[in-house]
Amino acid sequence: MKILHSKYINSLYFLHVAKAGGTAMKSILRNFNHDHPDRAIGFLGHDVSLKLIRIFLPWAKVIFFVREPISRAESAFYFRQRKGLPGYFEEWSQKEVKVFNQFPDFNALAEALSSDDSNIQKAANNAFETIHTLRWNLSHFLASTDHLSKSEHKIFFLGAQESFNNDLNNLIRIIGGDESYASRVNQKSANRTASPPKVTLSPMALESLQQFLANDIEIYNWCVNNKDRINRRTLEKHTKV
């Protein structure tokens, strides 16, 4: 299990759910760690899940952000299509070369999930396993709504990419950080591109994705519906101390 910046290991960890604002969050929390080494937050890699945390870090509490699954998958596809640029560069694997040659945009991949041609449908399913940012979906990190309910006591703070700024401000308030942290984020580290080469998703593509990502959508809805209650509980607990 990969733990980044192990010198900062404490009882509180940031679980980096892929393509949900995690890169920006890590930049902010690194500033916090620098200023508050006595209560610094640990960083968990993409290979870590809530299930593994319960087994290997049973004392730990976690912070994580989620993102609407179709938007997250679309972002993950184009992130790898442009090889991680502008923030990073990682060359395509041989399998990814085949994927991006067969599916030039996310709409084509999404429509292929419900293709009448079994070979095309199989290729689309394989693409979601081949592209690691697609494979690292909400189910990978959080398993299921049932697992989330059983693990709720381990969730210190839960945010959503769609309400990032508001959730970030609430988190900073809870951990006692400086409100200026957000303004210190290096924009190059946020994995953003000004004009992503997106193709509008067709009704067929959207229907296919809703079926394919059904478990992720359930997980996302659970997180959005429960995050304010969980965060309020954390805030109340900390203000009592």
C-alpha atoms as a PDB file:
ATOM      1  CA  MET A   1       0.000   0.000   0.000  1.00  0.00           C
ATOM      2  CA  LYS A   2       1.617   3.231  -1.179  1.00  0.00           C
ATOM      3  CA  ILE A   3       1.679   6.081   1.329  1.00  0.00           C
ATOM      4  CA  LEU A   4       3.076   9.382   0.055  1.00  0.00           C
ATOM      5  CA  HIS A   5       5.165  11.610   2.314  1.00  0.00           C
ATOM      6  CA  SER A   6       5.388   8.949   5.012  1.00  0.00           C
ATOM      7  CA  LYS A   7       7.211  11.353   7.366  1.00  0.00           C
ATOM      8  CA  TYR A   8       3.819  13.020   7.874  1.00  0.00           C
ATOM      9  CA  ILE A   9       1.969   9.844   8.835  1.00  0.00           C
ATOM     10  CA  ASN A  10      -0.653  10.569  11.454  1.00  0.00           C
ATOM     11  CA  SER A  11      -4.165   9.357  12.234  1.00  0.00           C
ATOM     12  CA  LEU A  12      -5.651  11.474   9.422  1.00  0.00           C
ATOM     13  CA  TYR A  13      -5.154  10.641   5.737  1.00  0.00           C
ATOM     14  CA  PHE A  14      -6.186  12.058   2.373  1.00  0.00           C
ATOM     15  CA  LEU A  15      -7.477   9.331   0.038  1.00  0.00           C
ATOM     16  CA  HIS A  16      -6.867  10.525  -3.530  1.00  0.00           C
ATOM     17  CA  VAL A  17      -9.901   9.488  -5.577  1.00  0.00           C
ATOM     18  CA  ALA A  18      -8.785   9.895  -9.185  1.00  0.00           C
ATOM     19  CA  LYS A  19     -10.092  12.851 -11.232  1.00  0.00           C
ATOM     20  CA  ALA A  20     -12.042  14.435  -8.358  1.00  0.00           C
ATOM     21  CA  GLY A  21      -9.885  17.438  -7.524  1.00  0.00           C
ATOM     22  CA  GLY A  22      -7.325  15.405  -5.604  1.00  0.00           C
ATOM     23  CA  THR A  23      -4.212  16.928  -7.162  1.00  0.00           C
ATOM     24  CA  ALA A  24      -5.280  20.412  -6.106  1.00  0.00           C
ATOM     25  CA  MET A  25      -6.196  19.100  -2.654  1.00  0.00           C
ATOM     26  CA  LYS A  26      -2.768  17.530  -2.181  1.00  0.00           C
ATOM     27  CA  SER A  27      -1.100  20.832  -3.044  1.00  0.00           C
ATOM     28  CA  ILE A  28      -3.243  22.618  -0.459  1.00  0.00           C
ATOM     29  CA  LEU A  29      -2.681  19.978   2.216  1.00  0.00           C
ATOM     30  CA  ARG A  30       1.080  19.969   1.622  1.00  0.00           C
ATOM     31  CA  ASN A  31       1.045  23.667   2.527  1.00  0.00           C
ATOM     32  CA  PHE A  32      -0.929  22.795   5.639  1.00  0.00           C
ATOM     33  CA  ASN A  33       1.557  20.055   6.545  1.00  0.00           C
ATOM     34  CA  HIS A  34       4.444  22.471   6.142  1.00  0.00           C
ATOM     35  CA  ASP A  35       2.819  24.936   8.517  1.00  0.00           C
ATOM     36  CA  HIS A  36       1.509  22.340  10.982  1.00  0.00           C
ATOM     37  CA  PRO A  37       3.941  19.379  11.104  1.00  0.00           C
ATOM     38  CA  ASP A  38       2.569  18.403  14.519  1.00  0.00           C
ATOM     39  CA  ARG A  39      -0.844  17.540  12.990  1.00  0.00           C
ATOM     40  CA  ALA A  40       0.089  16.856   9.409  1.00  0.00           C
ATOM     41  CA  ILE A  41      -2.119  14.780   7.110  1.00  0.00           C
ATOM     42  CA  GLY A  42      -0.858  11.635   5.347  1.00  0.00           C
ATOM     43  CA  PHE A  43      -1.356  10.958   1.631  1.00  0.00           C
ATOM     44  CA  LEU A  44      -2.652   7.685   0.202  1.00  0.00           C
ATOM     45  CA  GLY A  45      -2.017   6.617  -3.393  1.00  0.00           C
ATOM     46  CA  HIS A  46      -4.455   5.451  -6.062  1.00  0.00           C
ATOM     47  CA  ASP A  47      -3.832   1.811  -5.183  1.00  0.00           C
ATOM     48  CA  VAL A  48      -5.424   2.319  -1.760  1.00  0.00           C
ATOM     49  CA  SER A  49      -9.121   1.722  -1.095  1.00  0.00           C
ATOM     50  CA  LEU A  50     -11.393   2.209   1.894  1.00  0.00           C
ATOM     51  CA  LYS A  51     -11.378  -1.574   2.346  1.00  0.00           C
ATOM     52  CA  LEU A  52      -7.579  -1.635   2.591  1.00  0.00           C
ATOM     53  CA  ILE A  53      -7.616   1.281   5.007  1.00  0.00           C
ATOM     54  CA  ARG A  54      -9.949  -0.622   7.330  1.00  0.00           C
ATOM     55  CA  ILE A  55      -7.552  -3.583   7.286  1.00  0.00           C
ATOM     56  CA  PHE A  56      -4.120  -1.941   7.352  1.00  0.00           C
ATOM     57  CA  LEU A  57      -4.868   1.412   9.017  1.00  0.00           C
ATOM     58  CA  PRO A  58      -7.699   0.551  11.406  1.00  0.00           C
ATOM     59  CA  TRP A  59      -7.000   3.638  13.568  1.00  0.00           C
ATOM     60  CA  ALA A  60      -7.088   6.068  10.634  1.00  0.00           C
ATOM     61  CA  LYS A  61      -9.704   8.608   9.596  1.00  0.00           C
ATOM     62  CA  VAL A  62      -9.913   9.682   5.968  1.00  0.00           C
ATOM     63  CA  ILE A  63     -10.631  12.736   3.863  1.00  0.00           C
ATOM     64  CA  PHE A  64     -11.751  12.251   0.276  1.00  0.00           C
ATOM     65  CA  PHE A  65     -13.572  14.021  -2.550  1.00  0.00           C
ATOM     66  CA  VAL A  66     -15.877  12.420  -5.122  1.00  0.00           C
ATOM     67  CA  ARG A  67     -17.122  13.460  -8.556  1.00  0.00           C
ATOM     68  CA  GLU A  68     -20.219  12.691 -10.616  1.00  0.00           C
ATOM     69  CA  PRO A  69     -19.273   9.364 -12.281  1.00  0.00           C
ATOM     70  CA  ILE A  70     -20.000  10.173 -15.935  1.00  0.00           C
ATOM     71  CA  SER A  71     -18.154  13.482 -15.708  1.00  0.00           C
ATOM     72  CA  ARG A  72     -15.314  11.733 -13.851  1.00  0.00           C
ATOM     73  CA  ALA A  73     -15.031   8.992 -16.504  1.00  0.00           C
ATOM     74  CA  GLU A  74     -15.084  11.532 -19.337  1.00  0.00           C
ATOM     75  CA  SER A  75     -12.318  13.544 -17.666  1.00  0.00           C
ATOM     76  CA  ALA A  76     -10.319  10.360 -17.032  1.00  0.00           C
ATOM     77  CA  PHE A  77     -10.542   9.332 -20.706  1.00  0.00           C
ATOM     78  CA  TYR A  78      -9.335  12.669 -22.062  1.00  0.00           C
ATOM     79  CA  PHE A  79      -6.652  12.958 -19.386  1.00  0.00           C
ATOM     80  CA  ARG A  80      -5.030   9.785 -20.684  1.00  0.00           C
ATOM     81  CA  GLN A  81      -5.747  10.607 -24.314  1.00  0.00           C
ATOM     82  CA  ARG A  82      -3.585  13.729 -23.936  1.00  0.00           C
ATOM     83  CA  LYS A  83      -1.064  11.626 -21.959  1.00  0.00           C
ATOM     84  CA  GLY A  84      -1.557  13.599 -18.764  1.00  0.00           C
ATOM     85  CA  LEU A  85      -0.640  16.969 -20.242  1.00  0.00           C
ATOM     86  CA  PRO A  86      -0.350  19.775 -19.287  1.00  0.00           C
ATOM     87  CA  GLY A  87       0.432  18.844 -15.676  1.00  0.00           C
ATOM     88  CA  TYR A  88       2.180  15.529 -16.365  1.00  0.00           C
ATOM     89  CA  PHE A  89       3.407  13.387 -19.221  1.00  0.00           C
ATOM     90  CA  GLU A  90       3.046   9.633 -19.377  1.00  0.00           C
ATOM     91  CA  GLU A  91       3.359   7.847 -22.721  1.00  0.00           C
ATOM     92  CA  TRP A  92       0.576   5.487 -23.776  1.00  0.00           C
ATOM     93  CA  SER A  93       1.022   1.800 -23.115  1.00  0.00           C
ATOM     94  CA  GLN A  94       0.662  -0.529 -26.092  1.00  0.00           C
ATOM     95  CA  LYS A  95      -2.841  -1.395 -24.927  1.00  0.00           C
ATOM     96  CA  GLU A  96      -3.760   2.275 -24.680  1.00  0.00           C
ATOM     97  CA  VAL A  97      -2.533   2.835 -28.240  1.00  0.00           C
ATOM     98  CA  LYS A  98      -5.111   0.292 -29.398  1.00  0.00           C
ATOM     99  CA  VAL A  99      -7.847   1.840 -27.272  1.00  0.00           C
ATOM    100  CA  PHE A 100      -7.334   5.382 -28.555  1.00  0.00           C
ATOM    101  CA  ASN A 101      -6.989   4.215 -32.151  1.00  0.00           C
ATOM    102  CA  GLN A 102     -10.304   2.361 -31.889  1.00  0.00           C
ATOM    103  CA  PHE A 103     -12.127   4.998 -29.806  1.00  0.00           C
ATOM    104  CA  PRO A 104     -11.048   8.520 -30.845  1.00  0.00           C
ATOM    105  CA  ASP A 105     -13.369  10.201 -28.310  1.00  0.00           C
ATOM    106  CA  PHE A 106     -15.298   9.336 -25.152  1.00  0.00           C
ATOM    107  CA  ASN A 107     -18.649   9.348 -26.916  1.00  0.00           C
ATOM    108  CA  ALA A 108     -17.478   6.579 -29.255  1.00  0.00           C
ATOM    109  CA  LEU A 109     -16.279   4.522 -26.286  1.00  0.00           C
ATOM    110  CA  ALA A 110     -19.515   5.064 -24.343  1.00  0.00           C
ATOM    111  CA  GLU A 111     -21.721   4.089 -27.302  1.00  0.00           C
ATOM    112  CA  ALA A 112     -19.625   0.963 -27.835  1.00  0.00           C
ATOM    113  CA  LEU A 113     -20.602  -0.289 -24.357  1.00  0.00           C
ATOM    114  CA  SER A 114     -24.027  -1.184 -25.765  1.00  0.00           C
ATOM    115  CA  SER A 115     -22.963  -2.112 -29.289  1.00  0.00           C
ATOM    116  CA  ASP A 116     -24.754  -4.977 -31.047  1.00  0.00           C
ATOM    117  CA  ASP A 117     -21.312  -6.230 -32.067  1.00  0.00           C
ATOM    118  CA  SER A 118     -20.024  -8.350 -29.183  1.00  0.00           C
ATOM    119  CA  ASN A 119     -16.404  -7.733 -30.180  1.00  0.00           C
ATOM    120  CA  ILE A 120     -16.831  -3.949 -30.051  1.00  0.00           C
ATOM    121  CA  GLN A 121     -18.683  -4.203 -26.743  1.00  0.00           C
ATOM    122  CA  LYS A 122     -15.890  -6.365 -25.339  1.00  0.00           C
ATOM    123  CA  ALA A 123     -13.278  -3.882 -26.547  1.00  0.00           C
ATOM    124  CA  ALA A 124     -15.147  -1.054 -24.809  1.00  0.00           C
ATOM    125  CA  ASN A 125     -15.316  -2.995 -21.544  1.00  0.00           C
ATOM    126  CA  ASN A 126     -11.607  -3.784 -21.828  1.00  0.00           C
ATOM    127  CA  ALA A 127     -10.872  -0.086 -22.388  1.00  0.00           C
ATOM    128  CA  PHE A 128     -12.305   0.721 -18.969  1.00  0.00           C
ATOM    129  CA  GLU A 129      -9.816  -1.743 -17.495  1.00  0.00           C
ATOM    130  CA  THR A 130      -6.890  -0.716 -19.714  1.00  0.00           C
ATOM    131  CA  ILE A 131      -7.006   3.028 -19.013  1.00  0.00           C
ATOM    132  CA  HIS A 132      -5.961   3.212 -15.370  1.00  0.00           C
ATOM    133  CA  THR A 133      -7.743   6.498 -14.683  1.00  0.00           C
ATOM    134  CA  LEU A 134     -10.986   4.804 -15.776  1.00  0.00           C
ATOM    135  CA  ARG A 135     -10.217   1.678 -13.763  1.00  0.00           C
ATOM    136  CA  TRP A 136      -9.696   3.840 -10.657  1.00  0.00           C
ATOM    137  CA  ASN A 137     -13.414   4.555 -10.359  1.00  0.00           C
ATOM    138  CA  LEU A 138     -15.515   5.168  -7.244  1.00  0.00           C
ATOM    139  CA  SER A 139     -16.154   1.429  -6.883  1.00  0.00           C
ATOM    140  CA  HIS A 140     -12.385   0.855  -6.792  1.00  0.00           C
ATOM    141  CA  PHE A 141     -11.892   3.325  -3.945  1.00  0.00           C
ATOM    142  CA  LEU A 142     -15.158   3.030  -1.977  1.00  0.00           C
ATOM    143  CA  ALA A 143     -16.577  -0.403  -2.944  1.00  0.00           C
ATOM    144  CA  SER A 144     -20.315   0.138  -2.423  1.00  0.00           C
ATOM    145  CA  THR A 145     -22.924   2.102  -0.504  1.00  0.00           C
ATOM    146  CA  ASP A 146     -23.167  -0.768   1.969  1.00  0.00           C
ATOM    147  CA  HIS A 147     -19.424  -0.616   2.617  1.00  0.00           C
ATOM    148  CA  LEU A 148     -19.590   3.167   2.986  1.00  0.00           C
ATOM    149  CA  SER A 149     -22.351   2.858   5.567  1.00  0.00           C
ATOM    150  CA  LYS A 150     -20.306   0.337   7.533  1.00  0.00           C
ATOM    151  CA  SER A 151     -17.198   2.508   7.242  1.00  0.00           C
ATOM    152  CA  GLU A 152     -18.832   5.864   7.957  1.00  0.00           C
ATOM    153  CA  HIS A 153     -17.080   6.133  11.320  1.00  0.00           C
ATOM    154  CA  LYS A 154     -13.762   6.278   9.429  1.00  0.00           C
ATOM    155  CA  ILE A 155     -14.779   9.264   7.287  1.00  0.00           C
ATOM    156  CA  PHE A 156     -13.387  12.482   8.754  1.00  0.00           C
ATOM    157  CA  PHE A 157     -14.449  14.709   5.861  1.00  0.00           C
ATOM    158  CA  LEU A 158     -16.222  14.124   2.566  1.00  0.00           C
ATOM    159  CA  GLY A 159     -16.202  16.608  -0.307  1.00  0.00           C
ATOM    160  CA  ALA A 160     -17.442  16.745  -3.881  1.00  0.00           C
ATOM    161  CA  GLN A 161     -15.704  18.164  -6.925  1.00  0.00           C
ATOM    162  CA  GLU A 162     -18.917  19.971  -7.880  1.00  0.00           C
ATOM    163  CA  SER A 163     -18.878  21.944  -4.609  1.00  0.00           C
ATOM    164  CA  PHE A 164     -15.097  22.007  -4.315  1.00  0.00           C
ATOM    165  CA  ASN A 165     -14.528  25.570  -3.105  1.00  0.00           C
ATOM    166  CA  ASN A 166     -17.236  25.465  -0.455  1.00  0.00           C
ATOM    167  CA  ASP A 167     -16.160  22.025   0.781  1.00  0.00           C
ATOM    168  CA  LEU A 168     -12.505  23.069   0.792  1.00  0.00           C
ATOM    169  CA  ASN A 169     -13.295  26.096   2.938  1.00  0.00           C
ATOM    170  CA  ASN A 170     -15.219  23.901   5.386  1.00  0.00           C
ATOM    171  CA  LEU A 171     -12.338  21.426   5.593  1.00  0.00           C
ATOM    172  CA  ILE A 172      -9.761  24.161   6.191  1.00  0.00           C
ATOM    173  CA  ARG A 173     -11.981  25.551   8.941  1.00  0.00           C
ATOM    174  CA  ILE A 174     -12.217  22.142  10.622  1.00  0.00           C
ATOM    175  CA  ILE A 175      -8.494  21.353  10.554  1.00  0.00           C
ATOM    176  CA  GLY A 176      -7.581  24.870  11.649  1.00  0.00           C
ATOM    177  CA  GLY A 177      -5.733  25.939   8.542  1.00  0.00           C
ATOM    178  CA  ASP A 178      -5.203  29.255   6.816  1.00  0.00           C
ATOM    179  CA  GLU A 179      -7.937  30.341   4.394  1.00  0.00           C
ATOM    180  CA  SER A 180      -5.240  31.515   1.975  1.00  0.00           C
ATOM    181  CA  TYR A 181      -4.171  27.909   1.235  1.00  0.00           C
ATOM    182  CA  ALA A 182      -6.491  27.636  -1.751  1.00  0.00           C
ATOM    183  CA  SER A 183      -4.910  30.673  -3.411  1.00  0.00           C
ATOM    184  CA  ARG A 184      -1.457  29.087  -3.120  1.00  0.00           C
ATOM    185  CA  VAL A 185      -2.301  26.105  -5.331  1.00  0.00           C
ATOM    186  CA  ASN A 186      -0.022  25.737  -8.327  1.00  0.00           C
ATOM    187  CA  GLN A 187      -2.511  25.702 -11.184  1.00  0.00           C
ATOM    188  CA  LYS A 188      -0.176  23.522 -13.265  1.00  0.00           C
ATOM    189  CA  SER A 189      -0.593  20.794 -10.676  1.00  0.00           C
ATOM    190  CA  ALA A 190      -4.387  20.729 -10.959  1.00  0.00           C
ATOM    191  CA  ASN A 191      -4.485  18.601 -14.137  1.00  0.00           C
ATOM    192  CA  ARG A 192      -6.527  21.182 -16.034  1.00  0.00           C
ATOM    193  CA  THR A 193      -6.569  22.075 -19.681  1.00  0.00           C
ATOM    194  CA  ALA A 194      -8.270  25.180 -21.066  1.00  0.00           C
ATOM    195  CA  SER A 195     -10.066  23.534 -23.989  1.00  0.00           C
ATOM    196  CA  PRO A 196     -10.464  19.753 -23.593  1.00  0.00           C
ATOM    197  CA  PRO A 197     -11.185  17.940 -26.870  1.00  0.00           C
ATOM    198  CA  LYS A 198     -14.608  16.745 -25.765  1.00  0.00           C
ATOM    199  CA  VAL A 199     -17.370  15.438 -28.009  1.00  0.00           C
ATOM    200  CA  THR A 200     -20.945  15.908 -26.788  1.00  0.00           C
ATOM    201  CA  LEU A 201     -22.324  12.667 -25.361  1.00  0.00           C
ATOM    202  CA  SER A 202     -25.253  11.261 -27.310  1.00  0.00           C
ATOM    203  CA  PRO A 203     -28.434   9.922 -25.638  1.00  0.00           C
ATOM    204  CA  MET A 204     -27.185   6.407 -26.442  1.00  0.00           C
ATOM    205  CA  ALA A 205     -23.822   7.117 -24.813  1.00  0.00           C
ATOM    206  CA  LEU A 206     -25.446   8.567 -21.689  1.00  0.00           C
ATOM    207  CA  GLU A 207     -27.803   5.604 -21.319  1.00  0.00           C
ATOM    208  CA  SER A 208     -24.920   3.156 -21.763  1.00  0.00           C
ATOM    209  CA  LEU A 209     -22.825   4.958 -19.141  1.00  0.00           C
ATOM    210  CA  GLN A 210     -25.692   5.121 -16.653  1.00  0.00           C
ATOM    211  CA  GLN A 211     -26.013   1.348 -16.863  1.00  0.00           C
ATOM    212  CA  PHE A 212     -22.276   0.644 -16.900  1.00  0.00           C
ATOM    213  CA  LEU A 213     -21.540   3.008 -14.004  1.00  0.00           C
ATOM    214  CA  ALA A 214     -24.643   2.172 -11.962  1.00  0.00           C
ATOM    215  CA  ASN A 215     -22.670   1.189  -8.845  1.00  0.00           C
ATOM    216  CA  ASP A 216     -20.532   4.320  -9.068  1.00  0.00           C
ATOM    217  CA  ILE A 217     -23.649   6.469  -9.417  1.00  0.00           C
ATOM    218  CA  GLU A 218     -25.118   4.871  -6.289  1.00  0.00           C
ATOM    219  CA  ILE A 219     -21.878   5.544  -4.404  1.00  0.00           C
ATOM    220  CA  TYR A 220     -21.769   9.151  -5.595  1.00  0.00           C
ATOM    221  CA  ASN A 221     -25.381   9.765  -4.569  1.00  0.00           C
ATOM    222  CA  TRP A 222     -24.695   8.275  -1.121  1.00  0.00           C
ATOM    223  CA  CYS A 223     -21.723  10.592  -0.688  1.00  0.00           C
ATOM    224  CA  VAL A 224     -23.576  13.718  -1.808  1.00  0.00           C
ATOM    225  CA  ASN A 225     -26.606  12.894   0.347  1.00  0.00           C
ATOM    226  CA  ASN A 226     -24.532  12.223   3.479  1.00  0.00           C
ATOM    227  CA  LYS A 227     -21.537  14.544   3.229  1.00  0.00           C
ATOM    228  CA  ASP A 228     -23.069  17.545   4.991  1.00  0.00           C
ATOM    229  CA  ARG A 229     -24.216  15.408   7.914  1.00  0.00           C
ATOM    230  CA  ILE A 230     -20.815  13.686   8.205  1.00  0.00           C
ATOM    231  CA  ASN A 231     -18.895  16.958   7.979  1.00  0.00           C
ATOM    232  CA  ARG A 232     -21.175  18.647  10.494  1.00  0.00           C
ATOM    233  CA  ARG A 233     -20.591  15.781  12.902  1.00  0.00           C
ATOM    234  CA  THR A 234     -16.826  16.201  12.508  1.00  0.00           C
ATOM    235  CA  LEU A 235     -17.063  19.956  13.011  1.00  0.00           C
ATOM    236  CA  GLU A 236     -19.182  19.572  16.156  1.00  0.00           C
ATOM    237  CA  LYS A 237     -16.761  17.022  17.578  1.00  0.00           C
ATOM    238  CA  HIS A 238     -13.766  19.278  17.002  1.00  0.00           C
ATOM    239  CA  THR A 239     -15.393  22.408  18.377  1.00  0.00           C
ATOM    240  CA  LYS A 240     -16.084  20.546  21.611  1.00  0.00           C
ATOM    241  CA  VAL A 241     -12.408  19.785  22.131  1.00  0.00           C
END
